[in-house]
PDB file of N, CA and C in Angstrom:
ATOM      1  N   MET A   1      18.072 -12.740  23.530  1.00  0.00           N
ATOM      2  CA  MET A   1      17.008 -12.433  22.246  1.00  0.00           C
ATOM      3  C   MET A   1      15.700 -13.294  21.997  1.00  0.00           C
ATOM      4  N   ASP A   2      14.689 -13.481  22.496  1.00  0.00           N
ATOM      5  CA  ASP A   2      13.730 -14.049  22.125  1.00  0.00           C
ATOM      6  C   ASP A   2      12.456 -13.343  22.244  1.00  0.00           C
ATOM      7  N   PHE A   3      11.193 -13.491  21.888  1.00  0.00           N
ATOM      8  CA  PHE A   3       9.709 -12.993  21.418  1.00  0.00           C
ATOM      9  C   PHE A   3       9.855 -12.657  22.773  1.00  0.00           C
ATOM     10  N   ASP A   4       9.549 -13.645  23.669  1.00  0.00           N
ATOM     11  CA  ASP A   4       8.718 -13.384  25.465  1.00  0.00           C
ATOM     12  C   ASP A   4       9.442 -11.820  26.130  1.00  0.00           C
ATOM     13  N   SER A   5      10.909 -12.153  26.001  1.00  0.00           N
ATOM     14  CA  SER A   5      11.947 -10.881  26.591  1.00  0.00           C
ATOM     15  C   SER A   5      11.268  -9.050  25.503  1.00  0.00           C
ATOM     16  N   PHE A   6      11.302  -9.312  24.302  1.00  0.00           N
ATOM     17  CA  PHE A   6      11.396  -8.183  23.993  1.00  0.00           C
ATOM     18  C   PHE A   6       9.757  -7.730  24.185  1.00  0.00           C
ATOM     19  N   GLY A   7       8.803  -8.861  24.091  1.00  0.00           N
ATOM     20  CA  GLY A   7       7.710  -8.412  24.479  1.00  0.00           C
ATOM     21  C   GLY A   7       7.195  -7.770  26.217  1.00  0.00           C
ATOM     22  N   LYS A   8       7.835  -8.352  26.860  1.00  0.00           N
ATOM     23  CA  LYS A   8       7.829  -7.822  28.180  1.00  0.00           C
ATOM     24  C   LYS A   8       8.310  -6.306  28.270  1.00  0.00           C
ATOM     25  N   ALA A   9       9.912  -6.356  27.277  1.00  0.00           N
ATOM     26  CA  ALA A   9       9.988  -4.822  27.332  1.00  0.00           C
ATOM     27  C   ALA A   9       9.045  -4.206  26.358  1.00  0.00           C
ATOM     28  N   GLY A  10       8.046  -4.232  25.707  1.00  0.00           N
ATOM     29  CA  GLY A  10       7.138  -3.379  25.081  1.00  0.00           C
ATOM     30  C   GLY A  10       7.215  -3.435  23.832  1.00  0.00           C
ATOM     31  N   PHE A  11       8.236  -4.270  23.290  1.00  0.00           N
ATOM     32  CA  PHE A  11       8.727  -3.947  21.798  1.00  0.00           C
ATOM     33  C   PHE A  11       8.109  -5.170  21.144  1.00  0.00           C
ATOM     34  N   ARG A  12       7.225  -4.427  20.132  1.00  0.00           N
ATOM     35  CA  ARG A  12       6.312  -5.071  19.028  1.00  0.00           C
ATOM     36  C   ARG A  12       6.883  -5.455  17.684  1.00  0.00           C
ATOM     37  N   TRP A  13       7.070  -6.559  17.660  1.00  0.00           N
ATOM     38  CA  TRP A  13       7.559  -7.433  16.072  1.00  0.00           C
ATOM     39  C   TRP A  13       6.529  -6.917  14.872  1.00  0.00           C
ATOM     40  N   GLY A  14       6.929  -6.270  13.720  1.00  0.00           N
ATOM     41  CA  GLY A  14       6.176  -6.450  12.594  1.00  0.00           C
ATOM     42  C   GLY A  14       6.843  -6.210  11.334  1.00  0.00           C
ATOM     43  N   LEU A  15       6.251  -5.416  10.935  1.00  0.00           N
ATOM     44  CA  LEU A  15       6.825  -5.013   9.426  1.00  0.00           C
ATOM     45  C   LEU A  15       7.151  -4.319   8.940  1.00  0.00           C
ATOM     46  N   ALA A  16       8.233  -3.623   9.035  1.00  0.00           N
ATOM     47  CA  ALA A  16       9.106  -2.663   8.884  1.00  0.00           C
ATOM     48  C   ALA A  16       9.796  -2.237   7.031  1.00  0.00           C
ATOM     49  N   PRO A  17       9.662  -2.428   6.222  1.00  0.00           N
ATOM     50  CA  PRO A  17       9.533  -2.532   4.988  1.00  0.00           C
ATOM     51  C   PRO A  17      10.719  -1.523   4.792  1.00  0.00           C
ATOM     52  N   LEU A  18      12.227  -1.568   4.114  1.00  0.00           N
ATOM     53  CA  LEU A  18      12.927  -0.299   3.663  1.00  0.00           C
ATOM     54  C   LEU A  18      12.770  -0.356   2.284  1.00  0.00           C
ATOM     55  N   LEU A  19      12.981   0.582   1.465  1.00  0.00           N
ATOM     56  CA  LEU A  19      12.778   0.718   0.074  1.00  0.00           C
ATOM     57  C   LEU A  19      14.077   1.904   0.164  1.00  0.00           C
ATOM     58  N   VAL A  20      15.349   1.548  -1.158  1.00  0.00           N
ATOM     59  CA  VAL A  20      15.878   1.991  -1.366  1.00  0.00           C
ATOM     60  C   VAL A  20      15.902   2.253  -3.084  1.00  0.00           C
ATOM     61  N   CYS A  21      15.747   3.471  -3.387  1.00  0.00           N
ATOM     62  CA  CYS A  21      14.895   4.022  -4.946  1.00  0.00           C
ATOM     63  C   CYS A  21      16.192   5.219  -5.383  1.00  0.00           C
ATOM     64  N   SER A  22      16.370   4.915  -6.737  1.00  0.00           N
ATOM     65  CA  SER A  22      16.687   6.238  -7.405  1.00  0.00           C
ATOM     66  C   SER A  22      16.195   7.548  -7.571  1.00  0.00           C
ATOM     67  N   GLU A  23      16.725   8.209  -7.540  1.00  0.00           N
ATOM     68  CA  GLU A  23      16.033   9.706  -7.998  1.00  0.00           C
ATOM     69  C   GLU A  23      14.859   9.821  -9.466  1.00  0.00           C
ATOM     70  N   ASP A  24      15.393   8.513 -10.424  1.00  0.00           N
ATOM     71  CA  ASP A  24      14.354   8.310 -11.449  1.00  0.00           C
ATOM     72  C   ASP A  24      13.580   7.667 -11.283  1.00  0.00           C
ATOM     73  N   THR A  25      12.801   6.774 -10.344  1.00  0.00           N
ATOM     74  CA  THR A  25      11.818   5.440  -9.343  1.00  0.00           C
ATOM     75  C   THR A  25      10.696   6.649  -9.421  1.00  0.00           C
ATOM     76  N   CYS A  26       9.770   6.239 -10.362  1.00  0.00           N
ATOM     77  CA  CYS A  26       8.317   6.851 -10.817  1.00  0.00           C
ATOM     78  C   CYS A  26       7.664   6.165  -9.436  1.00  0.00           C
ATOM     79  N   VAL A  27       7.576   7.389  -8.593  1.00  0.00           N
ATOM     80  CA  VAL A  27       6.482   7.386  -7.102  1.00  0.00           C
ATOM     81  C   VAL A  27       5.720   6.107  -7.547  1.00  0.00           C
ATOM     82  N   VAL A  28       4.424   6.991  -8.541  1.00  0.00           N
ATOM     83  CA  VAL A  28       3.250   6.640  -8.630  1.00  0.00           C
ATOM     84  C   VAL A  28       3.820   4.394  -9.217  1.00  0.00           C
ATOM     85  N   ASP A  29       4.676   4.324 -10.024  1.00  0.00           N
ATOM     86  CA  ASP A  29       4.777   2.407 -10.358  1.00  0.00           C
ATOM     87  C   ASP A  29       5.193   2.305  -8.853  1.00  0.00           C
ATOM     88  N   LEU A  30       5.928   2.927  -7.967  1.00  0.00           N
ATOM     89  CA  LEU A  30       6.278   2.608  -6.524  1.00  0.00           C
ATOM     90  C   LEU A  30       5.021   2.025  -5.693  1.00  0.00           C
ATOM     91  N   ALA A  31       4.110   2.697  -6.002  1.00  0.00           N
ATOM     92  CA  ALA A  31       3.006   2.808  -5.148  1.00  0.00           C
ATOM     93  C   ALA A  31       2.161   1.189  -5.608  1.00  0.00           C
ATOM     94  N   ARG A  32       1.985   1.601  -6.862  1.00  0.00           N
ATOM     95  CA  ARG A  32       1.458   0.163  -7.523  1.00  0.00           C
ATOM     96  C   ARG A  32       1.958  -0.549  -7.204  1.00  0.00           C
ATOM     97  N   VAL A  33       3.614  -1.289  -7.270  1.00  0.00           N
ATOM     98  CA  VAL A  33       3.644  -2.176  -7.067  1.00  0.00           C
ATOM     99  C   VAL A  33       3.475  -3.034  -5.576  1.00  0.00           C
ATOM    100  N   LEU A  34       3.740  -1.906  -4.319  1.00  0.00           N
ATOM    101  CA  LEU A  34       3.555  -2.252  -3.295  1.00  0.00           C
ATOM    102  C   LEU A  34       2.139  -2.826  -2.699  1.00  0.00           C
ATOM    103  N   LEU A  35       0.988  -1.762  -3.669  1.00  0.00           N
ATOM    104  CA  LEU A  35      -0.374  -2.381  -3.609  1.00  0.00           C
ATOM    105  C   LEU A  35      -0.862  -3.567  -4.472  1.00  0.00           C
ATOM    106  N   ASN A  36      -0.112  -3.898  -5.313  1.00  0.00           N
ATOM    107  CA  ASN A  36      -0.197  -5.460  -5.710  1.00  0.00           C
ATOM    108  C   ASN A  36       0.081  -6.060  -4.603  1.00  0.00           C
ATOM    109  N   PHE A  37       1.124  -6.245  -4.473  1.00  0.00           N
ATOM    110  CA  PHE A  37       1.522  -6.631  -3.059  1.00  0.00           C
ATOM    111  C   PHE A  37       0.349  -6.892  -2.215  1.00  0.00           C
ATOM    112  N   PHE A  38       0.290  -6.343  -1.309  1.00  0.00           N
ATOM    113  CA  PHE A  38      -0.763  -5.917  -0.078  1.00  0.00           C
ATOM    114  C   PHE A  38      -2.062  -6.748  -0.708  1.00  0.00           C
ATOM    115  N   ARG A  39      -2.364  -5.983  -1.597  1.00  0.00           N
ATOM    116  CA  ARG A  39      -4.073  -6.590  -2.656  1.00  0.00           C
ATOM    117  C   ARG A  39      -3.782  -8.352  -2.578  1.00  0.00           C
ATOM    118  N   ARG A  40      -2.799  -8.561  -2.557  1.00  0.00           N
ATOM    119  CA  ARG A  40      -2.497 -10.082  -2.700  1.00  0.00           C
ATOM    120  C   ARG A  40      -2.681 -10.617  -1.432  1.00  0.00           C
ATOM    121  N   GLU A  41      -1.807 -10.506  -0.813  1.00  0.00           N
ATOM    122  CA  GLU A  41      -1.391 -10.482   0.905  1.00  0.00           C
ATOM    123  C   GLU A  41      -2.453 -10.173   1.953  1.00  0.00           C
ATOM    124  N   SER A  42      -3.116  -9.540   2.046  1.00  0.00           N
ATOM    125  CA  SER A  42      -4.139  -9.355   2.399  1.00  0.00           C
ATOM    126  C   SER A  42      -5.010 -10.299   2.616  1.00  0.00           C
ATOM    127  N   CYS A  43      -5.669 -10.716   4.245  1.00  0.00           N
ATOM    128  CA  CYS A  43      -6.064 -11.572   4.327  1.00  0.00           C
ATOM    129  C   CYS A  43      -7.794 -11.631   4.107  1.00  0.00           C
ATOM    130  N   GLY A  44      -8.029  -9.820   3.441  1.00  0.00           N
ATOM    131  CA  GLY A  44      -9.368  -9.438   2.710  1.00  0.00           C
ATOM    132  C   GLY A  44     -10.579  -9.692   4.399  1.00  0.00           C
ATOM    133  N   LYS A  45     -10.272  -9.727   5.837  1.00  0.00           N
ATOM    134  CA  LYS A  45     -11.078  -9.245   6.411  1.00  0.00           C
ATOM    135  C   LYS A  45     -11.705  -8.149   6.299  1.00  0.00           C
ATOM    136  N   CYS A  46     -11.122  -7.160   6.404  1.00  0.00           N
ATOM    137  CA  CYS A  46     -11.613  -5.862   6.436  1.00  0.00           C
ATOM    138  C   CYS A  46     -12.067  -4.997   5.219  1.00  0.00           C
ATOM    139  N   THR A  47     -13.045  -4.263   5.065  1.00  0.00           N
ATOM    140  CA  THR A  47     -13.112  -3.533   3.762  1.00  0.00           C
ATOM    141  C   THR A  47     -12.120  -2.655   3.507  1.00  0.00           C
ATOM    142  N   PRO A  48     -11.070  -1.779   4.297  1.00  0.00           N
ATOM    143  CA  PRO A  48     -10.011  -1.166   4.073  1.00  0.00           C
ATOM    144  C   PRO A  48      -9.475  -2.120   2.933  1.00  0.00           C
ATOM    145  N   CYS A  49      -8.467  -3.525   3.173  1.00  0.00           N
ATOM    146  CA  CYS A  49      -8.354  -4.093   2.764  1.00  0.00           C
ATOM    147  C   CYS A  49      -8.541  -4.802   1.631  1.00  0.00           C
ATOM    148  N   ARG A  50      -9.657  -5.139   1.519  1.00  0.00           N
ATOM    149  CA  ARG A  50     -10.007  -6.043   0.425  1.00  0.00           C
ATOM    150  C   ARG A  50     -10.910  -5.350  -0.567  1.00  0.00           C
ATOM    151  N   ILE A  51     -11.381  -3.873  -0.061  1.00  0.00           N
ATOM    152  CA  ILE A  51     -11.789  -3.058  -1.454  1.00  0.00           C
ATOM    153  C   ILE A  51     -10.907  -2.195  -1.702  1.00  0.00           C
ATOM    154  N   GLY A  52     -10.721  -1.421  -0.638  1.00  0.00           N
ATOM    155  CA  GLY A  52      -9.809   0.010  -0.894  1.00  0.00           C
ATOM    156  C   GLY A  52      -8.655  -0.557  -1.529  1.00  0.00           C
ATOM    157  N   THR A  53      -7.794  -1.540  -0.791  1.00  0.00           N
ATOM    158  CA  THR A  53      -6.536  -2.128  -1.877  1.00  0.00           C
ATOM    159  C   THR A  53      -6.719  -1.961  -3.096  1.00  0.00           C
ATOM    160  N   GLU A  54      -7.940  -2.968  -3.221  1.00  0.00           N
ATOM    161  CA  GLU A  54      -7.872  -3.066  -5.153  1.00  0.00           C
ATOM    162  C   GLU A  54      -8.107  -1.896  -5.840  1.00  0.00           C
ATOM    163  N   ARG A  55      -9.205  -1.278  -5.010  1.00  0.00           N
ATOM    164  CA  ARG A  55      -9.618   0.074  -5.703  1.00  0.00           C
ATOM    165  C   ARG A  55      -8.711   1.081  -5.938  1.00  0.00           C
ATOM    166  N   ALA A  56      -7.235   1.409  -4.890  1.00  0.00           N
ATOM    167  CA  ALA A  56      -6.334   2.188  -4.552  1.00  0.00           C
ATOM    168  C   ALA A  56      -4.934   1.902  -6.347  1.00  0.00           C
ATOM    169  N   TYR A  57      -5.296   0.572  -5.959  1.00  0.00           N
ATOM    170  CA  TYR A  57      -4.289  -0.588  -7.498  1.00  0.00           C
ATOM    171  C   TYR A  57      -4.931   0.267  -8.780  1.00  0.00           C
ATOM    172  N   GLN A  58      -6.662  -0.162  -8.908  1.00  0.00           N
ATOM    173  CA  GLN A  58      -6.617   0.526 -10.108  1.00  0.00           C
ATOM    174  C   GLN A  58      -6.521   1.898 -10.313  1.00  0.00           C
ATOM    175  N   LEU A  59      -7.070   2.518  -9.371  1.00  0.00           N
ATOM    176  CA  LEU A  59      -6.539   4.341  -9.463  1.00  0.00           C
ATOM    177  C   LEU A  59      -5.216   4.291 -10.001  1.00  0.00           C
ATOM    178  N   LEU A  60      -3.922   3.893  -9.624  1.00  0.00           N
ATOM    179  CA  LEU A  60      -3.148   4.414  -9.381  1.00  0.00           C
ATOM    180  C   LEU A  60      -2.741   3.373 -11.184  1.00  0.00           C
ATOM    181  N   THR A  61      -3.436   2.435 -11.208  1.00  0.00           N
ATOM    182  CA  THR A  61      -2.859   1.905 -12.451  1.00  0.00           C
ATOM    183  C   THR A  61      -3.833   2.871 -13.913  1.00  0.00           C
ATOM    184  N   ASN A  62      -4.523   3.012 -13.855  1.00  0.00           N
ATOM    185  CA  ASN A  62      -4.761   4.165 -14.797  1.00  0.00           C
ATOM    186  C   ASN A  62      -4.419   5.281 -14.522  1.00  0.00           C
ATOM    187  N   LEU A  63      -3.512   5.831 -13.544  1.00  0.00           N
ATOM    188  CA  LEU A  63      -3.019   6.782 -13.902  1.00  0.00           C
ATOM    189  C   LEU A  63      -1.631   6.845 -14.577  1.00  0.00           C
ATOM    190  N   SER A  64      -0.934   5.811 -13.883  1.00  0.00           N
ATOM    191  CA  SER A  64       0.464   4.981 -14.944  1.00  0.00           C
ATOM    192  C   SER A  64      -0.056   4.483 -16.404  1.00  0.00           C
ATOM    193  N   GLU A  65      -1.000   4.195 -16.349  1.00  0.00           N
ATOM    194  CA  GLU A  65      -1.454   4.370 -18.252  1.00  0.00           C
ATOM    195  C   GLU A  65      -1.252   5.449 -18.777  1.00  0.00           C
ATOM    196  N   GLY A  66      -2.210   6.838 -18.185  1.00  0.00           N
ATOM    197  CA  GLY A  66      -2.306   7.562 -18.826  1.00  0.00           C
ATOM    198  C   GLY A  66      -3.884   7.798 -19.309  1.00  0.00           C
ATOM    199  N   THR A  67      -4.890   6.761 -18.289  1.00  0.00           N
ATOM    200  CA  THR A  67      -5.918   6.710 -18.581  1.00  0.00           C
ATOM    201  C   THR A  67      -6.990   7.137 -17.662  1.00  0.00           C
ATOM    202  N   ALA A  68      -6.212   7.459 -16.628  1.00  0.00           N
ATOM    203  CA  ALA A  68      -6.960   8.376 -15.816  1.00  0.00           C
ATOM    204  C   ALA A  68      -7.578   9.814 -15.648  1.00  0.00           C
ATOM    205  N   ALA A  69      -8.968  10.056 -14.969  1.00  0.00           N
ATOM    206  CA  ALA A  69      -9.466  11.549 -15.167  1.00  0.00           C
ATOM    207  C   ALA A  69      -9.147  12.112 -14.006  1.00  0.00           C
ATOM    208  N   MET A  70      -9.282  13.300 -14.085  1.00  0.00           N
ATOM    209  CA  MET A  70      -9.208  14.299 -13.164  1.00  0.00           C
ATOM    210  C   MET A  70      -9.978  13.785 -11.682  1.00  0.00           C
ATOM    211  N   GLY A  71     -10.782  13.086 -11.804  1.00  0.00           N
ATOM    212  CA  GLY A  71     -11.562  13.169 -10.215  1.00  0.00           C
ATOM    213  C   GLY A  71     -11.280  11.633 -10.111  1.00  0.00           C
ATOM    214  N   ASP A  72     -10.212  10.585 -10.546  1.00  0.00           N
ATOM    215  CA  ASP A  72      -9.336  10.027  -9.758  1.00  0.00           C
ATOM    216  C   ASP A  72      -8.431  10.101  -8.773  1.00  0.00           C
ATOM    217  N   LEU A  73      -8.073  11.592  -9.441  1.00  0.00           N
ATOM    218  CA  LEU A  73      -6.840  11.913  -7.920  1.00  0.00           C
ATOM    219  C   LEU A  73      -8.057  12.034  -6.921  1.00  0.00           C
ATOM    220  N   ASP A  74      -9.050  12.657  -6.323  1.00  0.00           N
ATOM    221  CA  ASP A  74      -9.718  12.913  -5.886  1.00  0.00           C
ATOM    222  C   ASP A  74     -10.742  11.561  -4.727  1.00  0.00           C
ATOM    223  N   ASP A  75     -10.763  10.545  -5.802  1.00  0.00           N
ATOM    224  CA  ASP A  75     -11.642   9.367  -5.427  1.00  0.00           C
ATOM    225  C   ASP A  75      -9.778   8.654  -4.412  1.00  0.00           C
ATOM    226  N   LEU A  76      -8.686   8.724  -5.000  1.00  0.00           N
ATOM    227  CA  LEU A  76      -7.797   8.213  -5.154  1.00  0.00           C
ATOM    228  C   LEU A  76      -7.763   8.418  -3.307  1.00  0.00           C
ATOM    229  N   LYS A  77      -7.431   9.765  -2.810  1.00  0.00           N
ATOM    230  CA  LYS A  77      -7.817  10.415  -1.544  1.00  0.00           C
ATOM    231  C   LYS A  77      -8.617   9.842  -0.919  1.00  0.00           C
ATOM    232  N   GLY A  78     -10.339   9.381  -1.197  1.00  0.00           N
ATOM    233  CA  GLY A  78     -10.841   9.117  -0.359  1.00  0.00           C
ATOM    234  C   GLY A  78     -11.109   7.525   0.007  1.00  0.00           C
ATOM    235  N   CYS A  79      -9.769   6.668  -0.831  1.00  0.00           N
ATOM    236  CA  CYS A  79      -9.889   5.298  -0.419  1.00  0.00           C
ATOM    237  C   CYS A  79      -9.001   4.847   1.184  1.00  0.00           C
ATOM    238  N   PRO A  80     -10.260   3.877   1.628  1.00  0.00           N
ATOM    239  CA  PRO A  80      -9.855   4.044   2.807  1.00  0.00           C
ATOM    240  C   PRO A  80      -8.512   3.149   3.653  1.00  0.00           C
ATOM    241  N   ILE A  81      -7.322   2.914   1.992  1.00  0.00           N
ATOM    242  CA  ILE A  81      -5.847   2.981   3.258  1.00  0.00           C
ATOM    243  C   ILE A  81      -5.065   3.696   2.661  1.00  0.00           C
ATOM    244  N   ALA A  82      -5.771   4.899   1.946  1.00  0.00           N
ATOM    245  CA  ALA A  82      -4.852   5.890   1.732  1.00  0.00           C
ATOM    246  C   ALA A  82      -4.763   7.309   2.924  1.00  0.00           C
TER     247      ALA A  82
END
C-alpha cells in the first residue's frame, strides 16, 4: 500500500471528514465551526476561498446570534462556496 500504486489504480488521496452529531446539534453552528476552520486553513489564492468562506461565516454568525436579516439567507445562497 503506497501512494504510487493507489495513483496508478485511479485512487485520489484527499480529505473526507466524517461528522457524527446528535439530533440536538444545531446545523447552523456546525456549519459555522466548519467554515471557521476552512477560512483559516485556506491558502486564499482563489476568490471563493478567500472571500466566499469569510462571507458565509459572517452570515452564519449573524444567523446564529439572531441578528440576521431576511436578505442574509439569499446572500448565503449566493456565496461562491455554497
